[in-house]
Structures are given as structure tokens and as C-alpha cells.
C-alpha atoms as a PDB file:
ATOM      1  CA  MET A   1     110.451 106.683 128.255  1.00  0.00           C
ATOM      2  CA  LYS A   2     112.489 108.790 130.656  1.00  0.00           C
ATOM      3  CA  PRO A   3     114.446 111.659 129.030  1.00  0.00           C
ATOM      4  CA  ALA A   4     117.711 110.405 130.542  1.00  0.00           C
ATOM      5  CA  SER A   5     117.375 107.076 128.723  1.00  0.00           C
ATOM      6  CA  LEU A   6     117.109 108.977 125.437  1.00  0.00           C
ATOM      7  CA  MET A   7     119.916 111.434 126.127  1.00  0.00           C
ATOM      8  CA  PHE A   8     122.361 108.918 127.618  1.00  0.00           C
ATOM      9  CA  PRO A   9     121.412 105.404 126.498  1.00  0.00           C
ATOM     10  CA  PRO A  10     123.725 102.395 126.726  1.00  0.00           C
ATOM     11  CA  THR A  11     125.624 102.518 123.441  1.00  0.00           C
ATOM     12  CA  VAL A  12     127.202  99.812 121.307  1.00  0.00           C
ATOM     13  CA  ASP A  13     129.949 100.850 118.885  1.00  0.00           C
ATOM     14  CA  LEU A  14     129.403  98.896 115.667  1.00  0.00           C
ATOM     15  CA  SER A  15     132.922  99.630 114.451  1.00  0.00           C
ATOM     16  CA  ARG A  16     133.994  96.802 116.783  1.00  0.00           C
ATOM     17  CA  ARG A  17     133.852  93.397 115.124  1.00  0.00           C
ATOM     18  CA  ALA A  18     132.366  91.706 118.189  1.00  0.00           C
ATOM     19  CA  ALA A  19     129.434  94.126 118.118  1.00  0.00           C
ATOM     20  CA  THR A  20     128.405  93.069 114.612  1.00  0.00           C
ATOM     21  CA  LEU A  21     129.035  89.335 114.997  1.00  0.00           C
ATOM     22  CA  GLN A  22     125.427  88.296 115.712  1.00  0.00           C
ATOM     23  CA  PHE A  23     124.136  90.532 112.938  1.00  0.00           C
ATOM     24  CA  ARG A  24     126.493  88.765 110.542  1.00  0.00           C
ATOM     25  CA  LEU A  25     125.200  85.352 111.592  1.00  0.00           C
ATOM     26  CA  GLY A  26     121.434  85.974 111.688  1.00  0.00           C
ATOM     27  CA  PRO A  27     119.040  86.797 108.828  1.00  0.00           C
ATOM     28  CA  ILE A  28     118.763  90.552 108.209  1.00  0.00           C
ATOM     29  CA  VAL A  29     115.542  92.152 106.933  1.00  0.00           C
ATOM     30  CA  VAL A  30     115.125  95.902 106.409  1.00  0.00           C
ATOM     31  CA  LEU A  31     111.860  97.786 105.918  1.00  0.00           C
ATOM     32  CA  SER A  32     112.546 100.841 103.771  1.00  0.00           C
ATOM     33  CA  PRO A  33     109.626 103.269 103.255  1.00  0.00           C
ATOM     34  CA  HIS A  34     111.104 104.358  99.887  1.00  0.00           C
ATOM     35  CA  PHE A  35     113.841 103.181  97.580  1.00  0.00           C
ATOM     36  CA  ASP A  36     116.528 105.343  99.216  1.00  0.00           C
ATOM     37  CA  ASP A  37     115.741 105.177 102.944  1.00  0.00           C
ATOM     38  CA  ALA A  38     117.675 102.027 103.790  1.00  0.00           C
ATOM     39  CA  CYS A  39     120.750 103.506 102.130  1.00  0.00           C
ATOM     40  CA  TYR A  40     120.471 106.898 103.792  1.00  0.00           C
ATOM     41  CA  SER A  41     119.828 105.459 107.247  1.00  0.00           C
ATOM     42  CA  LEU A  42     121.751 102.156 107.310  1.00  0.00           C
ATOM     43  CA  GLY A  43     123.826 102.041 104.132  1.00  0.00           C
ATOM     44  CA  SER A  44     127.279 101.662 105.667  1.00  0.00           C
ATOM     45  CA  PHE A  45     126.054  99.121 108.215  1.00  0.00           C
ATOM     46  CA  LEU A  46     124.392  97.020 105.498  1.00  0.00           C
ATOM     47  CA  SER A  47     127.465  97.301 103.295  1.00  0.00           C
ATOM     48  CA  ARG A  48     129.620  95.884 106.083  1.00  0.00           C
ATOM     49  CA  ILE A  49     127.202  93.058 106.834  1.00  0.00           C
ATOM     50  CA  GLY A  50     127.128  92.229 103.122  1.00  0.00           C
ATOM     51  CA  ARG A  51     123.792  90.416 102.882  1.00  0.00           C
ATOM     52  CA  GLY A  52     120.133  90.644 103.813  1.00  0.00           C
ATOM     53  CA  THR A  53     116.665  91.282 102.406  1.00  0.00           C
ATOM     54  CA  LEU A  54     115.472  94.785 101.600  1.00  0.00           C
ATOM     55  CA  ILE A  55     111.709  95.385 101.581  1.00  0.00           C
ATOM     56  CA  ASN A  56     110.801  98.581  99.737  1.00  0.00           C
ATOM     57  CA  VAL A  57     107.305  99.708 100.680  1.00  0.00           C
ATOM     58  CA  PHE A  58     106.161 102.868  98.828  1.00  0.00           C
ATOM     59  CA  THR A  59     107.710 102.513  95.383  1.00  0.00           C
ATOM     60  CA  GLN A  60     105.097 104.036  93.073  1.00  0.00           C
ATOM     61  CA  GLY A  61     105.395 107.801  92.701  1.00  0.00           C
ATOM     62  CA  ILE A  62     105.708 110.739  90.318  1.00  0.00           C
ATOM     63  CA  TYR A  63     108.372 112.882  91.987  1.00  0.00           C
ATOM     64  CA  LEU A  64     112.110 113.257  91.503  1.00  0.00           C
ATOM     65  CA  VAL A  65     114.127 115.617  93.700  1.00  0.00           C
ATOM     66  CA  ARG A  66     116.470 116.422  90.811  1.00  0.00           C
ATOM     67  CA  PRO A  67     114.657 116.808  87.455  1.00  0.00           C
ATOM     68  CA  LEU A  68     116.219 114.968  84.559  1.00  0.00           C
ATOM     69  CA  PRO A  69     117.956 117.007  81.851  1.00  0.00           C
ATOM     70  CA  GLY A  70     117.106 116.956  78.179  1.00  0.00           C
ATOM     71  CA  PRO A  71     114.175 115.209  76.504  1.00  0.00           C
ATOM     72  CA  GLU A  72     113.366 113.125  79.608  1.00  0.00           C
ATOM     73  CA  ALA A  73     112.740 116.229  81.722  1.00  0.00           C
ATOM     74  CA  LEU A  74     109.086 115.201  82.194  1.00  0.00           C
ATOM     75  CA  PRO A  75     109.170 111.420  82.670  1.00  0.00           C
ATOM     76  CA  ASP A  76     105.941 109.557  83.331  1.00  0.00           C
ATOM     77  CA  GLN A  77     105.247 107.351  86.330  1.00  0.00           C
ATOM     78  CA  ARG A  78     106.693 104.234  84.707  1.00  0.00           C
ATOM     79  CA  ASP A  79     109.890 106.069  83.771  1.00  0.00           C
ATOM     80  CA  ILE A  80     110.282 107.384  87.314  1.00  0.00           C
ATOM     81  CA  TYR A  81     109.816 103.908  88.731  1.00  0.00           C
ATOM     82  CA  GLU A  82     112.449 102.461  86.414  1.00  0.00           C
ATOM     83  CA  ILE A  83     114.911 105.220  87.304  1.00  0.00           C
ATOM     84  CA  ARG A  84     114.469 104.869  91.045  1.00  0.00           C
ATOM     85  CA  ASP A  85     114.344 101.087  90.919  1.00  0.00           C
ATOM     86  CA  GLY A  86     117.625 101.099  88.984  1.00  0.00           C
ATOM     87  CA  GLU A  87     119.288 103.320  91.571  1.00  0.00           C
ATOM     88  CA  ASP A  88     118.127 101.025  94.350  1.00  0.00           C
ATOM     89  CA  ALA A  89     119.256  97.915  92.495  1.00  0.00           C
ATOM     90  CA  ALA A  90     122.773  99.350  92.328  1.00  0.00           C
ATOM     91  CA  PHE A  91     122.740  99.922  96.088  1.00  0.00           C
ATOM     92  CA  ALA A  92     121.428  96.424  96.770  1.00  0.00           C
ATOM     93  CA  LYS A  93     124.117  94.898  94.568  1.00  0.00           C
ATOM     94  CA  ARG A  94     126.786  96.894  96.398  1.00  0.00           C
ATOM     95  CA  CYS A  95     125.548  95.530  99.755  1.00  0.00           C
ATOM     96  CA  GLY A  96     124.665  91.983  98.727  1.00  0.00           C
ATOM     97  CA  LEU A  97     120.942  92.501  99.350  1.00  0.00           C
ATOM     98  CA  THR A  98     117.972  90.781  97.774  1.00  0.00           C
ATOM     99  CA  ARG A  99     114.910  92.984  97.275  1.00  0.00           C
ATOM    100  CA  GLU A 100     111.157  92.785  97.750  1.00  0.00           C
ATOM    101  CA  ASP A 101     108.967  95.479  96.162  1.00  0.00           C
ATOM    102  CA  LEU A 102     105.558  96.019  97.776  1.00  0.00           C
ATOM    103  CA  GLY A 103     104.507  98.532  95.080  1.00  0.00           C
ATOM    104  CA  CYS A 104     102.503 100.835  97.366  1.00  0.00           C
ATOM    105  CA  GLU A 105     101.642 104.393  96.311  1.00  0.00           C
ATOM    106  CA  GLU A 106     103.320 107.560  97.527  1.00  0.00           C
ATOM    107  CA  PRO A 107     101.036 110.428  98.668  1.00  0.00           C
ATOM    108  CA  MET A 108     101.122 112.437  95.424  1.00  0.00           C
ATOM    109  CA  LEU A 109      99.487 109.558  93.546  1.00  0.00           C
ATOM    110  CA  ARG A 110      96.664 109.653  96.078  1.00  0.00           C
ATOM    111  CA  GLY A 111      96.132 113.416  95.782  1.00  0.00           C
ATOM    112  CA  ARG A 112      97.736 114.504  99.050  1.00  0.00           C
ATOM    113  CA  ARG A 113     100.889 115.979 100.550  1.00  0.00           C
ATOM    114  CA  VAL A 114     103.703 113.911 102.044  1.00  0.00           C
ATOM    115  CA  HIS A 115     103.353 115.554 105.468  1.00  0.00           C
ATOM    116  CA  ASP A 116      99.582 115.188 105.736  1.00  0.00           C
ATOM    117  CA  LEU A 117      99.382 112.925 108.782  1.00  0.00           C
ATOM    118  CA  ARG A 118      95.600 113.016 108.646  1.00  0.00           C
ATOM    119  CA  GLN A 119      95.954 110.314 105.993  1.00  0.00           C
ATOM    120  CA  LEU A 120      98.075 108.016 108.147  1.00  0.00           C
ATOM    121  CA  GLU A 121      95.368 105.342 108.292  1.00  0.00           C
ATOM    122  CA  ASP A 122      95.082 105.335 104.501  1.00  0.00           C
ATOM    123  CA  ASP A 123      98.772 104.505 104.221  1.00  0.00           C
ATOM    124  CA  ILE A 124      98.583 101.847 106.910  1.00  0.00           C
ATOM    125  CA  GLY A 125      95.660 100.310 105.057  1.00  0.00           C
ATOM    126  CA  GLN A 126      97.820 100.077 101.936  1.00  0.00           C
ATOM    127  CA  ILE A 127     100.837  98.457 103.531  1.00  0.00           C
ATOM    128  CA  GLU A 128      99.675  96.418 106.528  1.00  0.00           C
ATOM    129  CA  ILE A 129      98.838  93.145 104.794  1.00  0.00           C
ATOM    130  CA  PRO A 130     101.711  93.278 102.245  1.00  0.00           C
ATOM    131  CA  ILE A 131     104.281  93.878 105.003  1.00  0.00           C
ATOM    132  CA  LEU A 132     103.026  91.087 107.230  1.00  0.00           C
ATOM    133  CA  ARG A 133     102.753  88.621 104.342  1.00  0.00           C
ATOM    134  CA  THR A 134     106.258  89.428 103.139  1.00  0.00           C
ATOM    135  CA  LEU A 135     107.751  89.073 106.620  1.00  0.00           C
ATOM    136  CA  ASP A 136     105.999  85.716 107.012  1.00  0.00           C
ATOM    137  CA  LYS A 137     107.288  84.567 103.623  1.00  0.00           C
ATOM    138  CA  ILE A 138     110.865  85.496 104.493  1.00  0.00           C
ATOM    139  CA  ALA A 139     110.622  83.894 107.942  1.00  0.00           C
ATOM    140  CA  SER A 140     109.407  80.640 106.382  1.00  0.00           C
ATOM    141  CA  SER A 141     112.905  80.223 104.917  1.00  0.00           C
ATOM    142  CA  PHE A 142     114.646  80.485 108.309  1.00  0.00           C
ATOM    143  CA  ALA A 143     116.322  77.404 109.721  1.00  0.00           C
ATOM    144  CA  PRO A 144     114.461  75.652 112.582  1.00  0.00           C
ATOM    145  CA  GLY A 145     114.736  77.786 115.707  1.00  0.00           C
ATOM    146  CA  GLU A 146     116.357  80.661 113.819  1.00  0.00           C
ATOM    147  CA  ARG A 147     115.261  84.264 114.369  1.00  0.00           C
ATOM    148  CA  GLY A 148     115.803  87.197 112.062  1.00  0.00           C
ATOM    149  CA  PHE A 149     116.670  90.803 112.777  1.00  0.00           C
ATOM    150  CA  LEU A 150     114.037  93.189 111.451  1.00  0.00           C
ATOM    151  CA  PHE A 151     115.158  96.791 111.005  1.00  0.00           C
ATOM    152  CA  ALA A 152     112.189  99.156 110.917  1.00  0.00           C
ATOM    153  CA  PRO A 153     112.176 102.969 110.758  1.00  0.00           C
ATOM    154  CA  LEU A 154     111.535 104.939 113.921  1.00  0.00           C
ATOM    155  CA  GLY A 155     109.276 107.185 111.851  1.00  0.00           C
ATOM    156  CA  VAL A 156     111.253 110.348 112.606  1.00  0.00           C
ATOM    157  CA  GLY A 157     109.686 113.562 111.302  1.00  0.00           C
ATOM    158  CA  GLY A 158     106.383 114.144 109.614  1.00  0.00           C
ATOM    159  CA  HIS A 159     106.589 112.131 106.401  1.00  0.00           C
ATOM    160  CA  VAL A 160     103.407 110.068 106.434  1.00  0.00           C
ATOM    161  CA  ASN A 161     105.007 107.095 104.654  1.00  0.00           C
ATOM    162  CA  HIS A 162     107.711 106.785 107.313  1.00  0.00           C
ATOM    163  CA  ARG A 163     105.200 107.140 110.123  1.00  0.00           C
ATOM    164  CA  ALA A 164     102.901 104.548 108.558  1.00  0.00           C
ATOM    165  CA  THR A 165     105.716 102.010 108.190  1.00  0.00           C
ATOM    166  CA  ALA A 166     106.759 102.455 111.825  1.00  0.00           C
ATOM    167  CA  GLU A 167     103.166 102.362 113.062  1.00  0.00           C
ATOM    168  CA  THR A 168     102.417  99.153 111.172  1.00  0.00           C
ATOM    169  CA  VAL A 169     105.295  97.403 112.931  1.00  0.00           C
ATOM    170  CA  LEU A 170     104.232  98.785 116.313  1.00  0.00           C
ATOM    171  CA  ARG A 171     100.649  97.557 115.859  1.00  0.00           C
ATOM    172  CA  HIS A 172     101.869  94.034 115.153  1.00  0.00           C
ATOM    173  CA  LEU A 173     104.798  93.731 117.544  1.00  0.00           C
ATOM    174  CA  ASP A 174     103.572  90.519 119.150  1.00  0.00           C
ATOM    175  CA  LYS A 175     103.086  88.761 115.822  1.00  0.00           C
ATOM    176  CA  ILE A 176     106.371  89.948 114.326  1.00  0.00           C
ATOM    177  CA  ARG A 177     108.327  89.085 117.479  1.00  0.00           C
ATOM    178  CA  GLY A 178     107.464  85.453 116.881  1.00  0.00           C
ATOM    179  CA  SER A 179     110.133  85.346 114.156  1.00  0.00           C
ATOM    180  CA  TYR A 180     112.191  88.529 114.501  1.00  0.00           C
ATOM    181  CA  ASP A 181     114.072  90.677 116.966  1.00  0.00           C
ATOM    182  CA  ILE A 182     112.956  94.192 116.070  1.00  0.00           C
ATOM    183  CA  LEU A 183     115.331  97.132 115.903  1.00  0.00           C
ATOM    184  CA  PHE A 184     114.273 100.673 115.021  1.00  0.00           C
ATOM    185  CA  TYR A 185     116.629 102.781 112.929  1.00  0.00           C
ATOM    186  CA  GLU A 186     116.912 106.558 112.975  1.00  0.00           C
ATOM    187  CA  ASP A 187     115.504 107.803 109.678  1.00  0.00           C
ATOM    188  CA  LEU A 188     118.002 110.015 107.884  1.00  0.00           C
ATOM    189  CA  PRO A 189     118.043 112.865 107.073  1.00  0.00           C
ATOM    190  CA  TYR A 190     115.040 113.489 109.387  1.00  0.00           C
ATOM    191  CA  SER A 191     116.912 112.488 112.549  1.00  0.00           C
ATOM    192  CA  SER A 192     119.257 115.453 112.095  1.00  0.00           C
ATOM    193  CA  SER A 193     116.492 117.277 114.010  1.00  0.00           C
ATOM    194  CA  LEU A 194     116.759 116.568 117.747  1.00  0.00           C
ATOM    195  CA  TYR A 195     113.135 117.593 118.236  1.00  0.00           C
ATOM    196  CA  HIS A 196     111.847 115.100 115.680  1.00  0.00           C
ATOM    197  CA  LEU A 197     114.207 112.346 116.830  1.00  0.00           C
ATOM    198  CA  PHE A 198     113.096 112.633 120.470  1.00  0.00           C
ATOM    199  CA  GLY A 199     109.458 112.629 119.435  1.00  0.00           C
ATOM    200  CA  ALA A 200     109.886 109.388 117.485  1.00  0.00           C
ATOM    201  CA  LEU A 201     111.832 107.688 120.268  1.00  0.00           C
ATOM    202  CA  LYS A 202     109.162 108.521 122.827  1.00  0.00           C
ATOM    203  CA  ARG A 203     106.393 107.364 120.493  1.00  0.00           C
ATOM    204  CA  VAL A 204     108.078 104.039 119.711  1.00  0.00           C
ATOM    205  CA  GLY A 205     109.201 103.523 123.295  1.00  0.00           C
ATOM    206  CA  ARG A 206     105.639 103.707 124.560  1.00  0.00           C
ATOM    207  CA  HIS A 207     104.736 100.734 122.355  1.00  0.00           C
ATOM    208  CA  ALA A 208     107.981  98.746 122.408  1.00  0.00           C
ATOM    209  CA  GLY A 209     108.398  98.809 126.183  1.00  0.00           C
ATOM    210  CA  GLY A 210     111.087  99.620 128.676  1.00  0.00           C
ATOM    211  CA  THR A 211     112.718 102.746 130.044  1.00  0.00           C
ATOM    212  CA  LEU A 212     116.236 101.588 129.175  1.00  0.00           C
ATOM    213  CA  SER A 213     117.123 101.085 125.539  1.00  0.00           C
ATOM    214  CA  THR A 214     120.349 100.409 123.686  1.00  0.00           C
ATOM    215  CA  ARG A 215     121.590 102.580 120.831  1.00  0.00           C
ATOM    216  CA  TYR A 216     123.807 100.893 118.233  1.00  0.00           C
ATOM    217  CA  VAL A 217     126.068 103.328 116.384  1.00  0.00           C
ATOM    218  CA  LEU A 218     128.280 103.203 113.312  1.00  0.00           C
ATOM    219  CA  ALA A 219     130.249 106.302 112.293  1.00  0.00           C
ATOM    220  CA  PRO A 220     131.711 105.474 108.862  1.00  0.00           C
ATOM    221  CA  PRO A 221     134.201 107.712 107.061  1.00  0.00           C
ATOM    222  CA  TRP A 222     132.208 110.365 105.231  1.00  0.00           C
ATOM    223  CA  HIS A 223     133.630 109.388 101.846  1.00  0.00           C
ATOM    224  CA  GLU A 224     132.246 105.862 102.355  1.00  0.00           C
ATOM    225  CA  LYS A 225     128.770 107.080 103.252  1.00  0.00           C
ATOM    226  CA  LYS A 226     128.769 109.709 100.523  1.00  0.00           C
ATOM    227  CA  ALA A 227     129.587 107.096  97.872  1.00  0.00           C
ATOM    228  CA  LEU A 228     126.514 105.092  98.868  1.00  0.00           C
ATOM    229  CA  ILE A 229     124.233 108.144  98.893  1.00  0.00           C
ATOM    230  CA  ALA A 230     125.555 109.059  95.440  1.00  0.00           C
ATOM    231  CA  LEU A 231     123.963 105.879  94.064  1.00  0.00           C
ATOM    232  CA  TYR A 232     120.659 107.839  94.164  1.00  0.00           C
ATOM    233  CA  PRO A 233     121.497 110.905  92.021  1.00  0.00           C
ATOM    234  CA  THR A 234     117.873 111.814  91.239  1.00  0.00           C
ATOM    235  CA  GLN A 235     117.191 112.183  94.969  1.00  0.00           C
ATOM    236  CA  GLN A 236     119.906 114.808  95.553  1.00  0.00           C
ATOM    237  CA  ARG A 237     119.647 118.501  94.739  1.00  0.00           C
ATOM    238  CA  GLY A 238     123.414 118.788  94.959  1.00  0.00           C
ATOM    239  CA  SER A 239     126.386 117.094  96.546  1.00  0.00           C
ATOM    240  CA  PRO A 240     125.370 115.318  99.796  1.00  0.00           C
ATOM    241  CA  ARG A 241     126.221 117.367 102.884  1.00  0.00           C
ATOM    242  CA  PRO A 242     127.499 115.682 106.066  1.00  0.00           C
ATOM    243  CA  TRP A 243     125.211 117.662 108.371  1.00  0.00           C
ATOM    244  CA  ARG A 244     122.108 116.122 106.758  1.00  0.00           C
ATOM    245  CA  PHE A 245     123.325 112.649 107.729  1.00  0.00           C
ATOM    246  CA  TRP A 246     124.307 113.535 111.287  1.00  0.00           C
ATOM    247  CA  PRO A 247     121.723 112.344 113.839  1.00  0.00           C
ATOM    248  CA  ARG A 248     121.629 114.627 116.850  1.00  0.00           C
ATOM    249  CA  ALA A 249     123.136 112.773 119.803  1.00  0.00           C
ATOM    250  CA  THR A 250     125.630 113.228 122.618  1.00  0.00           C
ATOM    251  CA  TRP A 251     127.911 110.755 120.793  1.00  0.00           C
ATOM    252  CA  PRO A 252     129.395 110.484 118.270  1.00  0.00           C
ATOM    253  CA  LEU A 253     129.894 114.088 117.219  1.00  0.00           C
ATOM    254  CA  ALA A 254     130.112 113.159 113.559  1.00  0.00           C
ATOM    255  CA  PRO A 255     127.812 111.878 110.802  1.00  0.00           C
ATOM    256  CA  HIS A 256     126.692 108.370 111.719  1.00  0.00           C
ATOM    257  CA  GLU A 257     124.016 105.695 111.478  1.00  0.00           C
ATOM    258  CA  ALA A 258     122.099 104.454 114.503  1.00  0.00           C
ATOM    259  CA  PHE A 259     119.397 102.027 115.528  1.00  0.00           C
ATOM    260  CA  TRP A 260     117.751 101.132 118.825  1.00  0.00           C
ATOM    261  CA  SER A 261     116.675  97.999 120.620  1.00  0.00           C
ATOM    262  CA  PHE A 262     114.067  97.947 123.348  1.00  0.00           C
ATOM    263  CA  PRO A 263     114.039  95.352 126.152  1.00  0.00           C
ATOM    264  CA  ALA A 264     110.641  93.961 125.188  1.00  0.00           C
ATOM    265  CA  ASN A 265     111.976  93.038 121.733  1.00  0.00           C
ATOM    266  CA  ASP A 266     114.543  90.515 122.992  1.00  0.00           C
ATOM    267  CA  ALA A 267     117.064  92.189 120.685  1.00  0.00           C
ATOM    268  CA  MET A 268     119.824  92.518 123.275  1.00  0.00           C
ATOM    269  CA  ARG A 269     121.926  89.620 122.031  1.00  0.00           C
ATOM    270  CA  VAL A 270     124.779  91.877 120.962  1.00  0.00           C
ATOM    271  CA  SER A 271     126.918  93.455 123.653  1.00  0.00           C
ATOM    272  CA  GLU A 272     129.974  95.680 123.796  1.00  0.00           C
END
């Protein structure tokens, strides 16, 4: 992709009702590497749409960002799952989402670090078949001739689970495009780094096709976004900070959510 198409892409403002109309009418499916990623990256957008299916991929782990106080300070794996699943259920209820849990293992359960990209193929091996089967199952419920919108992470940054989820979609674009228009969302908080965001856009663009892409943007009031993030208290070291949820872009100059369509994905049905 040419740098100019990344720096100054055609942009659709999702605060305009007309810009969200098709998303409100078509089936919405979101691939979330972990329980919190859909909320962090697309929470306000999903809240405004008010329905959809959330597929959580890597949901088995042993790590909490904020340790629990008191006698539960050292919860076991089952306890951690129940805590994180409960947080995610509250978010899904707030946004009218149904959930699918693929139950795949986070890196620590497999004896490795989250940024060890040498193990990318191991993660893809875990998730490839479950993702494709789940997408097929959801698509089987579509009305005749209906297409869904699949929101997949760009894979911004070096977290191997995010990269594996993005790479799985890229490897199966032709198959997935049979039922879905594919849009790639900017993983937050990782997309607050311009360097990492550009790297992901170039990587996805090489697979998804086209030198001109469209960036869809929603800049919700911070109090709205913060309230959604707060539904995941064990994943916050302190009060959420706006700068962590502020993708680096020429516009808007405020915390926002964003996703991209690429011409080869036939996802250009929504216009300004």
C-alpha cells in the first residue's frame, strides 16, 4: 500500500446515521482475540449498533492485569476464566451481543511469552479450524442472499494472539468472502503507536488488496467509552486514560475507534 493511502485515506464519519445504516441492517460478527478486545477497539460502535455476534478466541489463561484483593489474590485458571467471562458477559449484555467462546489457550498456558512471534504458527494451528467452523455456522443462519459484516483485528503490535487472529483471516480471505464483507479494526490500545499501526496496515493491505482503502471512524464522548472499558476492572491497572485509546491518525484528534475496508473485500457499501 502507498503511504499516502494510509496517511490520508477516504474517511467515513460513523457519527452520521447514514454511515451506520447498512451496519444496522446486516449481520454483525466480531472476532475478538481476548475477552476485552472487542470492547476496547469497537465498544462504542457495537453499543450503538445494539446487536451482533461476538467470537472470543483465546479465552483460557492464568493472568490478570489487576490482582484480586483478599483471599482470592491467587485464583486458579478456572477462577480467572469465570471472572473474565463475567466481565465480558456484562459488556455483551450492554451491547446486545450473543457470544461464542472458542476456548483457545493464551501463551502463558503454553509456556511462552505473549510477544514471542516465533510461535505464531502454533497459535494459528489452535484457532484456524474453530474460527472457520464458527463463521460457517453463523453464516448458515443468514437469510438467502444475505451477507454478514466480519470485523477482524488488524493485528497491530506484537501480541502473538492478535497477529494469529488477523493472519488466520488473511489466509482464508477467499473462503470467508463467500459469506462476509471483511473489515479490519484497529486494535486498541496497540494502535496508539503510529509505528505499529502503519506496520499492520501495510501487512494486511498486501493480502487484502488495493492501494486505496476506506477508514471508518467513530469518536465517542470519552465518558461513554470509559464506561465500557470499566466493565473489565481486572484488566486495568488504574483508571483508563484517554491517550491509550487514541489511535494515531491525522483525524480525528481525539480518542476514537476505527476500522478499514479494502476494495477487494467488497465492503464499500457504506458511503458518506
